[in-house]
């Protein structure tokens, strides 16, 4: 049974389908049926009118942003509602958002499993080549010693990479959060009012805390 917070993404290929509900009602029902029975919350629904062959879909990007902000899983009725483009699905994984298809909940694990097998085989090849290179070097009389301790410079580089990664995550959160904060600020007319609305029905503040007027102001004034 599905548990957690979910964001629904529905897609139809033409405006006529969107207006008539053709295919849309079936997708919505499939998602609702999938979420029934578990401890799940459907936080929001995003509808896109776009061909499955196109990777330029603003509503999907909004859905992904909402997933990141709420710590939610993107749910679709069928996998082809996301895309028929395999490269796009790999890019979706890199977006840092979990996703699941109601018609086949195991498809996500299957995709990850395939990628893991490929990565494992690559690791084996690298290991084999390394051993062969070391054996060849030893045969030539090259002295193979113990690895040197990690240098101070290498340690500092590791710290810099960690800081860079955290900075990127913070910048991504700001990009996702700013339009949401602007919406609530426009509705409330003040930083304090926006904070109250966000605490009531919006995504949590950074590090899952409560919103304050100062935090809303900082988000809105961020570059």
N, C-alpha and C. Protein backbone atom coordinates (compact mmCIF):
# COMPACT_ATOMS: atom_id res chain seq x y z
N UNK A 1 0.83 -1.20 0.00
CA UNK A 1 0.00 0.00 0.00
C UNK A 1 0.87 1.25 0.00
N UNK A 2 0.51 2.24 -0.81
CA UNK A 2 1.33 3.45 -0.87
C UNK A 2 1.20 4.30 0.39
N UNK A 3 2.31 4.79 0.86
CA UNK A 3 2.32 5.66 2.04
C UNK A 3 3.13 6.91 1.74
N UNK A 4 2.75 8.03 2.37
CA UNK A 4 3.50 9.26 2.21
C UNK A 4 2.72 10.33 1.47
N UNK A 5 3.45 11.34 1.04
CA UNK A 5 2.86 12.47 0.32
C UNK A 5 3.10 12.29 -1.18
N UNK A 6 2.07 12.57 -1.97
CA UNK A 6 2.16 12.37 -3.41
C UNK A 6 1.72 13.64 -4.15
N UNK A 7 2.33 13.85 -5.30
CA UNK A 7 1.94 14.90 -6.25
C UNK A 7 1.54 14.20 -7.53
N UNK A 8 0.33 14.47 -8.02
CA UNK A 8 -0.18 13.81 -9.21
C UNK A 8 0.14 14.64 -10.46
N UNK A 9 0.60 13.94 -11.50
CA UNK A 9 0.86 14.60 -12.79
C UNK A 9 0.03 13.92 -13.86
N UNK A 10 -0.87 14.68 -14.47
CA UNK A 10 -1.74 14.18 -15.52
C UNK A 10 -1.38 14.86 -16.84
N UNK A 11 -1.38 14.08 -17.92
CA UNK A 11 -1.04 14.68 -19.21
C UNK A 11 -1.98 14.19 -20.30
N UNK A 12 -2.42 15.13 -21.13
CA UNK A 12 -3.17 14.81 -22.34
C UNK A 12 -2.46 15.42 -23.52
N UNK A 13 -2.64 14.83 -24.70
CA UNK A 13 -1.86 15.24 -25.86
C UNK A 13 -2.40 16.47 -26.56
N UNK A 14 -3.70 16.74 -26.44
CA UNK A 14 -4.30 17.87 -27.14
C UNK A 14 -5.19 18.68 -26.21
N UNK A 15 -5.39 19.94 -26.56
CA UNK A 15 -6.26 20.81 -25.78
C UNK A 15 -7.69 20.28 -25.79
N UNK A 16 -8.09 19.68 -26.90
CA UNK A 16 -9.45 19.13 -27.01
C UNK A 16 -9.66 18.01 -25.99
N UNK A 17 -8.63 17.15 -25.83
CA UNK A 17 -8.74 16.09 -24.82
C UNK A 17 -8.86 16.68 -23.42
N UNK A 18 -8.08 17.74 -23.16
CA UNK A 18 -8.11 18.37 -21.85
C UNK A 18 -9.46 18.97 -21.53
N UNK A 19 -10.08 19.61 -22.53
CA UNK A 19 -11.37 20.26 -22.32
C UNK A 19 -12.49 19.24 -22.18
N UNK A 20 -12.40 18.14 -22.92
CA UNK A 20 -13.48 17.15 -22.90
C UNK A 20 -13.35 16.18 -21.75
N UNK A 21 -12.14 16.09 -21.18
CA UNK A 21 -11.91 15.11 -20.11
C UNK A 21 -11.57 13.75 -20.66
N UNK A 22 -11.44 13.63 -22.01
CA UNK A 22 -11.12 12.37 -22.64
C UNK A 22 -9.74 11.89 -22.17
N UNK A 23 -9.71 10.79 -21.50
CA UNK A 23 -8.45 10.26 -21.01
C UNK A 23 -8.05 10.83 -19.66
N UNK A 24 -8.51 12.04 -19.37
CA UNK A 24 -8.13 12.71 -18.13
C UNK A 24 -8.81 12.06 -16.92
N UNK A 25 -10.11 11.79 -17.05
CA UNK A 25 -10.85 11.17 -15.94
C UNK A 25 -10.30 9.79 -15.62
N UNK A 26 -9.91 9.05 -16.67
CA UNK A 26 -9.36 7.71 -16.46
C UNK A 26 -8.03 7.79 -15.70
N UNK A 27 -7.21 8.77 -16.05
CA UNK A 27 -5.93 8.95 -15.35
C UNK A 27 -6.16 9.31 -13.88
N UNK A 28 -7.07 10.25 -13.66
CA UNK A 28 -7.35 10.69 -12.29
C UNK A 28 -7.88 9.52 -11.44
N UNK A 29 -8.74 8.70 -12.05
CA UNK A 29 -9.30 7.55 -11.32
C UNK A 29 -8.21 6.53 -11.03
N UNK A 30 -7.30 6.31 -11.99
CA UNK A 30 -6.23 5.33 -11.78
C UNK A 30 -5.33 5.75 -10.61
N UNK A 31 -5.04 7.05 -10.53
CA UNK A 31 -4.21 7.56 -9.43
C UNK A 31 -4.96 7.42 -8.11
N UNK A 32 -6.24 7.79 -8.11
CA UNK A 32 -7.05 7.71 -6.88
C UNK A 32 -7.16 6.27 -6.39
N UNK A 33 -7.39 5.33 -7.32
CA UNK A 33 -7.50 3.92 -6.95
C UNK A 33 -6.18 3.42 -6.38
N UNK A 34 -5.08 3.86 -6.97
CA UNK A 34 -3.76 3.41 -6.50
C UNK A 34 -3.48 3.89 -5.08
N UNK A 35 -3.88 5.13 -4.78
CA UNK A 35 -3.60 5.70 -3.46
C UNK A 35 -4.59 5.24 -2.39
N UNK A 36 -5.69 4.62 -2.80
CA UNK A 36 -6.69 4.16 -1.84
C UNK A 36 -6.17 2.97 -1.03
N UNK A 37 -6.41 3.03 0.26
CA UNK A 37 -6.04 1.90 1.11
C UNK A 37 -4.76 2.09 1.89
N UNK A 38 -3.92 3.02 1.46
CA UNK A 38 -2.67 3.28 2.18
C UNK A 38 -2.76 4.56 2.99
N UNK A 39 -1.72 4.83 3.72
CA UNK A 39 -1.64 6.06 4.51
C UNK A 39 -0.99 7.14 3.64
N UNK A 40 -1.72 7.60 2.65
CA UNK A 40 -1.17 8.53 1.66
C UNK A 40 -1.97 9.81 1.60
N UNK A 41 -1.29 10.88 1.17
CA UNK A 41 -1.92 12.19 1.00
C UNK A 41 -1.60 12.72 -0.38
N UNK A 42 -2.63 13.02 -1.17
CA UNK A 42 -2.43 13.64 -2.47
C UNK A 42 -2.39 15.15 -2.25
N UNK A 43 -1.20 15.73 -2.31
CA UNK A 43 -1.02 17.13 -1.95
C UNK A 43 -1.47 18.08 -3.06
N UNK A 44 -1.23 17.70 -4.31
CA UNK A 44 -1.58 18.59 -5.42
C UNK A 44 -1.66 17.79 -6.71
N UNK A 45 -2.31 18.40 -7.70
CA UNK A 45 -2.45 17.78 -9.02
C UNK A 45 -2.03 18.79 -10.08
N UNK A 46 -1.24 18.33 -11.04
CA UNK A 46 -0.78 19.19 -12.13
C UNK A 46 -1.21 18.57 -13.46
N UNK A 47 -1.79 19.40 -14.32
CA UNK A 47 -2.28 18.94 -15.62
C UNK A 47 -1.49 19.60 -16.74
N UNK A 48 -1.03 18.79 -17.66
CA UNK A 48 -0.24 19.28 -18.81
C UNK A 48 -0.94 18.89 -20.10
N UNK A 49 -0.98 19.82 -21.06
CA UNK A 49 -1.46 19.52 -22.41
C UNK A 49 -0.24 19.60 -23.32
N UNK A 50 0.32 18.42 -23.64
CA UNK A 50 1.56 18.38 -24.40
C UNK A 50 1.80 16.98 -24.94
N UNK A 51 2.44 16.91 -26.08
CA UNK A 51 2.78 15.63 -26.68
C UNK A 51 3.79 14.90 -25.80
N UNK A 52 3.67 13.57 -25.73
CA UNK A 52 4.60 12.77 -24.94
C UNK A 52 6.01 12.80 -25.48
N UNK A 53 6.17 13.21 -26.75
CA UNK A 53 7.51 13.23 -27.34
C UNK A 53 8.26 14.52 -27.01
N UNK A 54 7.58 15.46 -26.41
CA UNK A 54 8.21 16.74 -26.07
C UNK A 54 8.73 16.71 -24.65
N UNK A 55 9.97 17.20 -24.48
CA UNK A 55 10.56 17.27 -23.14
C UNK A 55 10.38 18.65 -22.51
N UNK A 56 9.77 19.58 -23.23
CA UNK A 56 9.57 20.94 -22.73
C UNK A 56 8.17 21.04 -22.13
N UNK A 57 8.08 20.73 -20.84
CA UNK A 57 6.76 20.72 -20.19
C UNK A 57 6.83 21.49 -18.87
N UNK A 58 6.37 22.74 -18.88
CA UNK A 58 6.46 23.58 -17.68
C UNK A 58 5.66 23.05 -16.50
N UNK A 59 4.50 22.43 -16.75
CA UNK A 59 3.70 21.92 -15.63
C UNK A 59 4.39 20.75 -14.95
N UNK A 60 5.11 19.95 -15.72
CA UNK A 60 5.87 18.86 -15.11
C UNK A 60 6.99 19.44 -14.23
N UNK A 61 7.62 20.51 -14.70
CA UNK A 61 8.66 21.15 -13.90
C UNK A 61 8.08 21.70 -12.59
N UNK A 62 6.87 22.25 -12.67
CA UNK A 62 6.21 22.73 -11.44
C UNK A 62 5.90 21.56 -10.51
N UNK A 63 5.47 20.45 -11.09
CA UNK A 63 5.17 19.27 -10.28
C UNK A 63 6.43 18.75 -9.58
N UNK A 64 7.55 18.75 -10.31
CA UNK A 64 8.82 18.30 -9.73
C UNK A 64 9.25 19.24 -8.60
N UNK A 65 9.07 20.54 -8.82
CA UNK A 65 9.41 21.51 -7.77
C UNK A 65 8.56 21.29 -6.53
N UNK A 66 7.26 21.02 -6.74
CA UNK A 66 6.37 20.77 -5.61
C UNK A 66 6.79 19.50 -4.86
N UNK A 67 7.24 18.49 -5.60
CA UNK A 67 7.71 17.26 -4.96
C UNK A 67 8.93 17.53 -4.09
N UNK A 68 9.85 18.33 -4.59
CA UNK A 68 11.04 18.64 -3.80
C UNK A 68 10.68 19.43 -2.55
N UNK A 69 9.76 20.36 -2.68
CA UNK A 69 9.39 21.20 -1.55
C UNK A 69 8.65 20.42 -0.47
N UNK A 70 7.80 19.49 -0.88
CA UNK A 70 6.99 18.73 0.07
C UNK A 70 7.62 17.39 0.45
N UNK A 71 8.74 17.05 -0.19
CA UNK A 71 9.30 15.73 0.04
C UNK A 71 8.37 14.64 -0.46
N UNK A 72 7.70 14.92 -1.59
CA UNK A 72 6.65 14.04 -2.09
C UNK A 72 7.15 13.17 -3.24
N UNK A 73 6.34 12.18 -3.56
CA UNK A 73 6.60 11.29 -4.70
C UNK A 73 5.68 11.69 -5.84
N UNK A 74 6.22 11.78 -7.05
CA UNK A 74 5.41 12.09 -8.23
C UNK A 74 4.70 10.81 -8.67
N UNK A 75 3.38 10.86 -8.80
CA UNK A 75 2.62 9.70 -9.22
C UNK A 75 1.91 10.00 -10.53
N UNK A 76 1.98 9.05 -11.46
CA UNK A 76 1.30 9.16 -12.75
C UNK A 76 0.45 7.92 -12.95
N UNK A 77 -0.56 8.03 -13.81
CA UNK A 77 -1.43 6.89 -14.06
C UNK A 77 -0.68 5.80 -14.82
N UNK A 78 0.09 6.21 -15.83
CA UNK A 78 0.88 5.27 -16.62
C UNK A 78 2.23 5.92 -16.91
N UNK A 79 3.24 5.10 -17.06
CA UNK A 79 4.59 5.63 -17.26
C UNK A 79 4.68 6.49 -18.51
N UNK A 80 3.91 6.15 -19.56
CA UNK A 80 4.00 6.94 -20.79
C UNK A 80 3.39 8.32 -20.63
N UNK A 81 2.71 8.60 -19.50
CA UNK A 81 2.24 9.95 -19.22
C UNK A 81 3.42 10.89 -18.95
N UNK A 82 4.54 10.33 -18.51
CA UNK A 82 5.73 11.15 -18.30
C UNK A 82 6.41 11.41 -19.62
N UNK A 83 6.80 10.35 -20.29
CA UNK A 83 7.47 10.53 -21.57
C UNK A 83 7.70 9.19 -22.23
N UNK A 84 7.82 9.22 -23.55
CA UNK A 84 8.23 8.03 -24.29
C UNK A 84 9.74 8.08 -24.56
N UNK A 85 10.38 9.09 -24.02
CA UNK A 85 11.80 9.32 -24.25
C UNK A 85 12.60 8.80 -23.07
N UNK A 86 13.39 7.74 -23.31
CA UNK A 86 14.15 7.12 -22.21
C UNK A 86 15.14 8.09 -21.60
N UNK A 87 15.79 8.91 -22.44
CA UNK A 87 16.77 9.88 -21.92
C UNK A 87 16.10 10.86 -20.97
N UNK A 88 14.87 11.23 -21.26
CA UNK A 88 14.15 12.16 -20.39
C UNK A 88 13.89 11.53 -19.02
N UNK A 89 13.56 10.24 -19.01
CA UNK A 89 13.30 9.57 -17.74
C UNK A 89 14.56 9.53 -16.87
N UNK A 90 15.72 9.36 -17.51
CA UNK A 90 16.97 9.37 -16.76
C UNK A 90 17.23 10.76 -16.19
N UNK A 91 16.92 11.79 -16.98
CA UNK A 91 17.06 13.16 -16.47
C UNK A 91 16.11 13.42 -15.31
N UNK A 92 14.94 12.79 -15.37
CA UNK A 92 13.96 12.94 -14.29
C UNK A 92 14.52 12.37 -12.99
N UNK A 93 15.20 11.25 -13.09
CA UNK A 93 15.81 10.66 -11.90
C UNK A 93 16.85 11.60 -11.32
N UNK A 94 17.62 12.27 -12.19
CA UNK A 94 18.65 13.18 -11.72
C UNK A 94 18.05 14.42 -11.05
N UNK A 95 16.76 14.66 -11.26
CA UNK A 95 16.12 15.83 -10.65
C UNK A 95 15.95 15.64 -9.15
N UNK A 96 16.23 14.45 -8.66
CA UNK A 96 16.13 14.21 -7.22
C UNK A 96 14.71 14.00 -6.74
N UNK A 97 13.85 13.50 -7.62
CA UNK A 97 12.44 13.29 -7.26
C UNK A 97 12.08 11.83 -7.49
N UNK A 98 11.47 11.21 -6.48
CA UNK A 98 10.99 9.84 -6.64
C UNK A 98 9.70 9.87 -7.47
N UNK A 99 9.51 8.87 -8.31
CA UNK A 99 8.26 8.82 -9.07
C UNK A 99 7.80 7.39 -9.18
N UNK A 100 6.50 7.23 -9.39
CA UNK A 100 5.90 5.91 -9.44
C UNK A 100 4.72 5.93 -10.41
N UNK A 101 4.50 4.82 -11.08
CA UNK A 101 3.39 4.70 -12.03
C UNK A 101 2.31 3.81 -11.42
N UNK A 102 1.08 4.29 -11.40
CA UNK A 102 -0.02 3.56 -10.76
C UNK A 102 -0.29 2.23 -11.44
N UNK A 103 -0.06 2.13 -12.76
CA UNK A 103 -0.37 0.89 -13.46
C UNK A 103 0.67 -0.19 -13.21
N UNK A 104 1.87 0.21 -12.74
CA UNK A 104 2.93 -0.76 -12.46
C UNK A 104 3.88 -0.17 -11.43
N UNK A 105 3.54 -0.27 -10.15
CA UNK A 105 4.36 0.36 -9.10
C UNK A 105 5.80 -0.14 -9.06
N UNK A 106 6.07 -1.31 -9.65
CA UNK A 106 7.42 -1.86 -9.61
C UNK A 106 8.33 -1.30 -10.70
N UNK A 107 7.76 -0.53 -11.63
CA UNK A 107 8.57 -0.08 -12.76
C UNK A 107 9.74 0.78 -12.31
N UNK A 108 9.55 1.56 -11.26
CA UNK A 108 10.63 2.42 -10.77
C UNK A 108 11.80 1.57 -10.30
N UNK A 109 11.50 0.53 -9.51
CA UNK A 109 12.55 -0.35 -9.03
C UNK A 109 13.24 -1.08 -10.18
N UNK A 110 12.47 -1.41 -11.22
CA UNK A 110 13.05 -2.08 -12.38
C UNK A 110 14.05 -1.18 -13.08
N UNK A 111 13.69 0.08 -13.26
CA UNK A 111 14.59 1.02 -13.91
C UNK A 111 15.87 1.19 -13.09
N UNK A 112 15.69 1.40 -11.78
CA UNK A 112 16.85 1.56 -10.91
C UNK A 112 17.71 0.30 -10.93
N UNK A 113 17.05 -0.87 -10.96
CA UNK A 113 17.79 -2.13 -10.99
C UNK A 113 18.64 -2.27 -12.24
N UNK A 114 18.08 -1.89 -13.37
CA UNK A 114 18.83 -1.96 -14.63
C UNK A 114 20.05 -1.05 -14.58
N UNK A 115 19.84 0.16 -14.10
CA UNK A 115 20.96 1.10 -13.99
C UNK A 115 22.03 0.57 -13.03
N UNK A 116 21.57 -0.07 -11.94
CA UNK A 116 22.52 -0.61 -10.96
C UNK A 116 23.35 -1.73 -11.58
N UNK A 117 22.70 -2.59 -12.40
CA UNK A 117 23.43 -3.67 -13.05
C UNK A 117 24.50 -3.11 -13.99
N UNK A 118 24.11 -2.09 -14.76
CA UNK A 118 25.07 -1.46 -15.68
C UNK A 118 26.25 -0.88 -14.91
N UNK A 119 25.95 -0.16 -13.82
CA UNK A 119 27.01 0.44 -13.01
C UNK A 119 27.91 -0.62 -12.41
N UNK A 120 27.30 -1.74 -11.98
CA UNK A 120 28.08 -2.82 -11.38
C UNK A 120 29.02 -3.43 -12.40
N UNK A 121 28.53 -3.65 -13.62
CA UNK A 121 29.38 -4.21 -14.66
C UNK A 121 30.54 -3.27 -15.01
N UNK A 122 30.25 -1.97 -15.04
CA UNK A 122 31.31 -1.00 -15.32
C UNK A 122 32.36 -1.03 -14.22
N UNK A 123 31.90 -1.15 -12.97
CA UNK A 123 32.83 -1.21 -11.84
C UNK A 123 33.72 -2.45 -11.94
N UNK A 124 33.12 -3.59 -12.36
CA UNK A 124 33.90 -4.82 -12.51
C UNK A 124 34.96 -4.66 -13.59
N UNK A 125 34.57 -4.02 -14.71
CA UNK A 125 35.52 -3.81 -15.80
C UNK A 125 36.69 -2.93 -15.35
N UNK A 126 36.36 -1.86 -14.61
CA UNK A 126 37.41 -0.95 -14.12
C UNK A 126 38.34 -1.71 -13.17
N UNK A 127 37.75 -2.50 -12.28
CA UNK A 127 38.56 -3.27 -11.33
C UNK A 127 39.48 -4.25 -12.06
N UNK A 128 38.92 -4.95 -13.08
CA UNK A 128 39.71 -5.91 -13.83
C UNK A 128 40.86 -5.23 -14.55
N UNK A 129 40.57 -4.09 -15.18
CA UNK A 129 41.62 -3.38 -15.91
C UNK A 129 42.71 -2.88 -14.96
N UNK A 130 42.28 -2.43 -13.77
CA UNK A 130 43.26 -1.96 -12.78
C UNK A 130 44.19 -3.09 -12.36
N UNK A 131 43.62 -4.27 -12.08
CA UNK A 131 44.43 -5.41 -11.67
C UNK A 131 45.39 -5.83 -12.78
N UNK A 132 44.90 -5.81 -14.02
CA UNK A 132 45.76 -6.19 -15.15
C UNK A 132 46.90 -5.19 -15.31
N UNK A 133 46.59 -3.89 -15.12
CA UNK A 133 47.63 -2.87 -15.25
C UNK A 133 48.67 -3.01 -14.15
N UNK A 134 48.24 -3.32 -12.92
CA UNK A 134 49.17 -3.49 -11.81
C UNK A 134 50.04 -4.72 -12.02
N UNK A 135 49.44 -5.81 -12.54
CA UNK A 135 50.20 -7.02 -12.81
C UNK A 135 51.26 -6.77 -13.88
N UNK A 136 50.87 -6.02 -14.91
CA UNK A 136 51.83 -5.71 -15.97
C UNK A 136 52.96 -4.83 -15.46
N UNK A 137 52.62 -3.86 -14.59
CA UNK A 137 53.65 -2.99 -14.02
C UNK A 137 54.60 -3.79 -13.15
N UNK A 138 54.05 -4.72 -12.37
CA UNK A 138 54.89 -5.54 -11.50
C UNK A 138 55.82 -6.41 -12.32
N UNK A 139 55.30 -6.93 -13.45
CA UNK A 139 56.13 -7.77 -14.33
C UNK A 139 57.29 -6.97 -14.92
N UNK A 140 57.10 -5.68 -15.08
CA UNK A 140 58.17 -4.82 -15.62
C UNK A 140 59.15 -4.40 -14.55
N UNK A 141 58.89 -4.81 -13.31
CA UNK A 141 59.81 -4.47 -12.23
C UNK A 141 59.44 -3.21 -11.48
N UNK A 142 58.26 -2.67 -11.74
CA UNK A 142 57.83 -1.47 -11.04
C UNK A 142 57.48 -1.85 -9.61
N UNK A 143 58.02 -1.11 -8.66
CA UNK A 143 57.76 -1.38 -7.24
C UNK A 143 56.40 -0.79 -6.84
N UNK A 144 55.56 -1.64 -6.34
CA UNK A 144 54.21 -1.21 -5.94
C UNK A 144 54.15 -1.09 -4.43
N UNK A 145 53.96 0.09 -3.94
CA UNK A 145 53.93 0.32 -2.50
C UNK A 145 52.52 0.55 -1.99
N UNK A 146 52.43 0.79 -0.70
CA UNK A 146 51.14 1.09 -0.08
C UNK A 146 50.67 2.47 -0.52
N UNK A 147 49.38 2.67 -0.62
CA UNK A 147 48.89 3.99 -0.99
C UNK A 147 49.25 5.03 0.04
N UNK A 148 49.53 6.22 -0.45
CA UNK A 148 49.88 7.31 0.45
C UNK A 148 48.65 7.79 1.22
N UNK A 149 48.85 8.30 2.43
CA UNK A 149 47.72 8.86 3.17
C UNK A 149 47.08 10.02 2.40
N UNK A 150 45.83 10.22 2.66
CA UNK A 150 45.13 11.33 2.00
C UNK A 150 45.78 12.65 2.40
N UNK A 151 46.13 13.42 1.41
CA UNK A 151 46.80 14.69 1.68
C UNK A 151 45.83 15.71 2.23
N UNK A 152 46.42 16.74 2.83
CA UNK A 152 45.61 17.83 3.37
C UNK A 152 44.83 18.50 2.24
N UNK A 153 45.46 18.63 1.09
CA UNK A 153 44.79 19.27 -0.06
C UNK A 153 43.59 18.45 -0.51
N UNK A 154 43.75 17.10 -0.52
CA UNK A 154 42.64 16.24 -0.93
C UNK A 154 41.48 16.36 0.07
N UNK A 155 41.82 16.43 1.35
CA UNK A 155 40.78 16.59 2.37
C UNK A 155 40.02 17.90 2.17
N UNK A 156 40.77 18.97 1.89
CA UNK A 156 40.13 20.27 1.68
C UNK A 156 39.25 20.25 0.44
N UNK A 157 39.71 19.54 -0.61
CA UNK A 157 38.90 19.43 -1.82
C UNK A 157 37.59 18.71 -1.52
N UNK A 158 37.65 17.68 -0.66
CA UNK A 158 36.44 16.97 -0.28
C UNK A 158 35.47 17.87 0.46
N UNK A 159 36.01 18.70 1.34
CA UNK A 159 35.16 19.65 2.08
C UNK A 159 34.53 20.66 1.12
N UNK A 160 35.33 21.14 0.16
CA UNK A 160 34.81 22.11 -0.81
C UNK A 160 33.69 21.49 -1.64
N UNK A 161 33.86 20.24 -2.06
CA UNK A 161 32.82 19.57 -2.85
C UNK A 161 31.54 19.40 -2.04
N UNK A 162 31.69 19.08 -0.76
CA UNK A 162 30.51 18.93 0.10
C UNK A 162 29.78 20.26 0.25
N UNK A 163 30.55 21.33 0.47
CA UNK A 163 29.94 22.65 0.60
C UNK A 163 29.26 23.07 -0.68
N UNK A 164 29.90 22.76 -1.82
CA UNK A 164 29.32 23.11 -3.12
C UNK A 164 28.00 22.38 -3.34
N UNK A 165 27.97 21.10 -2.95
CA UNK A 165 26.75 20.31 -3.11
C UNK A 165 25.61 20.87 -2.25
N UNK A 166 25.94 21.25 -1.00
CA UNK A 166 24.91 21.82 -0.13
C UNK A 166 24.44 23.17 -0.63
N UNK A 167 25.38 23.95 -1.19
CA UNK A 167 25.00 25.25 -1.74
C UNK A 167 24.06 25.08 -2.94
N UNK A 168 24.35 24.10 -3.77
CA UNK A 168 23.48 23.84 -4.92
C UNK A 168 22.08 23.43 -4.48
N UNK A 169 22.02 22.60 -3.43
CA UNK A 169 20.71 22.16 -2.92
C UNK A 169 19.92 23.34 -2.36
N UNK A 170 20.62 24.25 -1.67
CA UNK A 170 19.95 25.43 -1.12
C UNK A 170 19.45 26.34 -2.23
N UNK A 171 20.25 26.50 -3.28
CA UNK A 171 19.85 27.35 -4.41
C UNK A 171 18.66 26.76 -5.15
N UNK A 172 18.65 25.42 -5.29
CA UNK A 172 17.52 24.76 -5.94
C UNK A 172 16.25 24.95 -5.12
N UNK A 173 16.37 24.84 -3.80
CA UNK A 173 15.21 25.04 -2.92
C UNK A 173 14.66 26.45 -3.07
N UNK A 174 15.54 27.44 -3.15
CA UNK A 174 15.09 28.82 -3.33
C UNK A 174 14.36 29.01 -4.65
N UNK A 175 14.91 28.40 -5.72
CA UNK A 175 14.26 28.52 -7.04
C UNK A 175 12.87 27.89 -7.01
N UNK A 176 12.74 26.76 -6.32
CA UNK A 176 11.44 26.09 -6.23
C UNK A 176 10.46 26.87 -5.34
N UNK A 177 11.00 27.43 -4.25
CA UNK A 177 10.14 28.04 -3.23
C UNK A 177 9.69 29.44 -3.57
N UNK A 178 10.49 30.20 -4.31
CA UNK A 178 10.18 31.62 -4.53
C UNK A 178 8.81 31.85 -5.17
N UNK A 179 8.46 31.15 -6.27
CA UNK A 179 7.12 31.39 -6.85
C UNK A 179 5.98 31.02 -5.91
N UNK A 180 6.21 30.01 -5.06
CA UNK A 180 5.19 29.62 -4.09
C UNK A 180 5.01 30.73 -3.04
N UNK A 181 6.13 31.24 -2.54
CA UNK A 181 6.07 32.32 -1.54
C UNK A 181 5.44 33.58 -2.13
N UNK A 182 5.74 33.88 -3.39
CA UNK A 182 5.15 35.05 -4.05
C UNK A 182 3.63 34.92 -4.14
N UNK A 183 3.17 33.71 -4.41
CA UNK A 183 1.73 33.47 -4.51
C UNK A 183 1.04 33.74 -3.16
N UNK A 184 1.61 33.21 -2.07
CA UNK A 184 0.99 33.39 -0.76
C UNK A 184 1.13 34.84 -0.28
N UNK A 185 2.22 35.49 -0.64
CA UNK A 185 2.41 36.90 -0.26
C UNK A 185 1.38 37.77 -0.96
N UNK A 186 1.12 37.49 -2.25
CA UNK A 186 0.12 38.25 -3.00
C UNK A 186 -1.27 38.05 -2.40
N UNK A 187 -1.52 36.85 -1.89
CA UNK A 187 -2.83 36.55 -1.30
C UNK A 187 -2.99 37.21 0.06
N UNK A 188 -1.90 37.22 0.86
CA UNK A 188 -1.99 37.74 2.24
C UNK A 188 -1.71 39.23 2.32
N UNK A 189 -0.83 39.73 1.46
CA UNK A 189 -0.52 41.15 1.48
C UNK A 189 0.54 41.55 2.49
N UNK A 190 1.12 40.57 3.20
CA UNK A 190 2.17 40.88 4.17
C UNK A 190 3.04 39.65 4.37
N UNK A 191 4.26 39.88 4.89
CA UNK A 191 5.15 38.76 5.15
C UNK A 191 4.58 37.84 6.23
N UNK A 192 4.03 38.45 7.29
CA UNK A 192 3.47 37.66 8.38
C UNK A 192 2.28 36.85 7.90
N UNK A 193 1.42 37.50 7.12
CA UNK A 193 0.25 36.79 6.61
C UNK A 193 0.65 35.64 5.70
N UNK A 194 1.67 35.87 4.87
CA UNK A 194 2.15 34.82 3.98
C UNK A 194 2.72 33.66 4.79
N UNK A 195 3.43 33.98 5.88
CA UNK A 195 4.01 32.94 6.73
C UNK A 195 2.90 32.08 7.35
N UNK A 196 1.83 32.72 7.79
CA UNK A 196 0.72 31.98 8.40
C UNK A 196 0.05 31.06 7.38
N UNK A 197 -0.12 31.57 6.15
CA UNK A 197 -0.73 30.75 5.10
C UNK A 197 0.17 29.57 4.74
N UNK A 198 1.47 29.82 4.67
CA UNK A 198 2.41 28.75 4.35
C UNK A 198 2.41 27.68 5.43
N UNK A 199 2.37 28.10 6.68
CA UNK A 199 2.33 27.14 7.78
C UNK A 199 1.04 26.32 7.77
N UNK A 200 -0.02 26.93 7.23
CA UNK A 200 -1.32 26.26 7.23
C UNK A 200 -1.48 25.30 6.05
N UNK A 201 -1.06 25.72 4.85
CA UNK A 201 -1.34 24.89 3.67
C UNK A 201 -0.22 24.85 2.64
N UNK A 202 0.94 25.40 2.98
CA UNK A 202 2.04 25.38 2.04
C UNK A 202 3.10 24.37 2.40
N UNK A 203 4.18 24.29 1.60
CA UNK A 203 5.29 23.40 1.94
C UNK A 203 6.02 23.92 3.17
N UNK A 204 6.70 23.05 3.91
CA UNK A 204 7.40 23.49 5.12
C UNK A 204 8.58 24.38 4.78
N UNK A 205 9.03 25.11 5.78
CA UNK A 205 10.21 25.97 5.60
C UNK A 205 11.45 25.10 5.46
N UNK A 206 12.56 25.74 5.19
CA UNK A 206 13.82 25.02 5.05
C UNK A 206 14.08 24.17 6.29
N UNK A 207 14.54 22.95 6.10
CA UNK A 207 14.79 21.99 7.17
C UNK A 207 13.50 21.63 7.93
N UNK A 208 12.37 21.72 7.20
CA UNK A 208 11.07 21.27 7.71
C UNK A 208 10.58 22.07 8.92
N UNK A 209 11.02 23.30 9.08
CA UNK A 209 10.60 24.11 10.20
C UNK A 209 9.35 24.92 9.89
N UNK A 210 8.97 25.79 10.84
CA UNK A 210 7.81 26.66 10.68
C UNK A 210 8.24 27.97 10.02
N UNK A 211 7.32 28.52 9.23
CA UNK A 211 7.61 29.78 8.54
C UNK A 211 7.46 30.96 9.50
N UNK A 212 8.31 31.96 9.29
CA UNK A 212 8.19 33.24 9.99
C UNK A 212 8.18 34.34 8.94
N UNK A 213 7.79 35.54 9.35
CA UNK A 213 7.76 36.67 8.43
C UNK A 213 9.16 36.93 7.86
N UNK A 214 10.18 36.80 8.68
CA UNK A 214 11.55 37.05 8.24
C UNK A 214 11.97 36.04 7.17
N UNK A 215 11.60 34.77 7.35
CA UNK A 215 11.95 33.76 6.37
C UNK A 215 11.28 34.02 5.02
N UNK A 216 10.03 34.43 5.07
CA UNK A 216 9.30 34.74 3.82
C UNK A 216 9.99 35.91 3.12
N UNK A 217 10.37 36.93 3.89
CA UNK A 217 11.04 38.09 3.32
C UNK A 217 12.36 37.70 2.65
N UNK A 218 13.12 36.83 3.29
CA UNK A 218 14.41 36.40 2.72
C UNK A 218 14.23 35.65 1.42
N UNK A 219 13.20 34.80 1.36
CA UNK A 219 12.94 34.05 0.13
C UNK A 219 12.55 35.00 -1.00
N UNK A 220 11.67 35.94 -0.71
CA UNK A 220 11.19 36.86 -1.72
C UNK A 220 12.29 37.81 -2.21
N UNK A 221 13.25 38.13 -1.33
CA UNK A 221 14.31 39.06 -1.71
C UNK A 221 15.55 38.35 -2.27
N UNK A 222 15.50 37.03 -2.28
CA UNK A 222 16.65 36.27 -2.81
C UNK A 222 16.80 36.53 -4.29
N UNK A 223 18.08 36.65 -4.72
CA UNK A 223 18.42 36.93 -6.12
C UNK A 223 17.52 36.24 -7.10
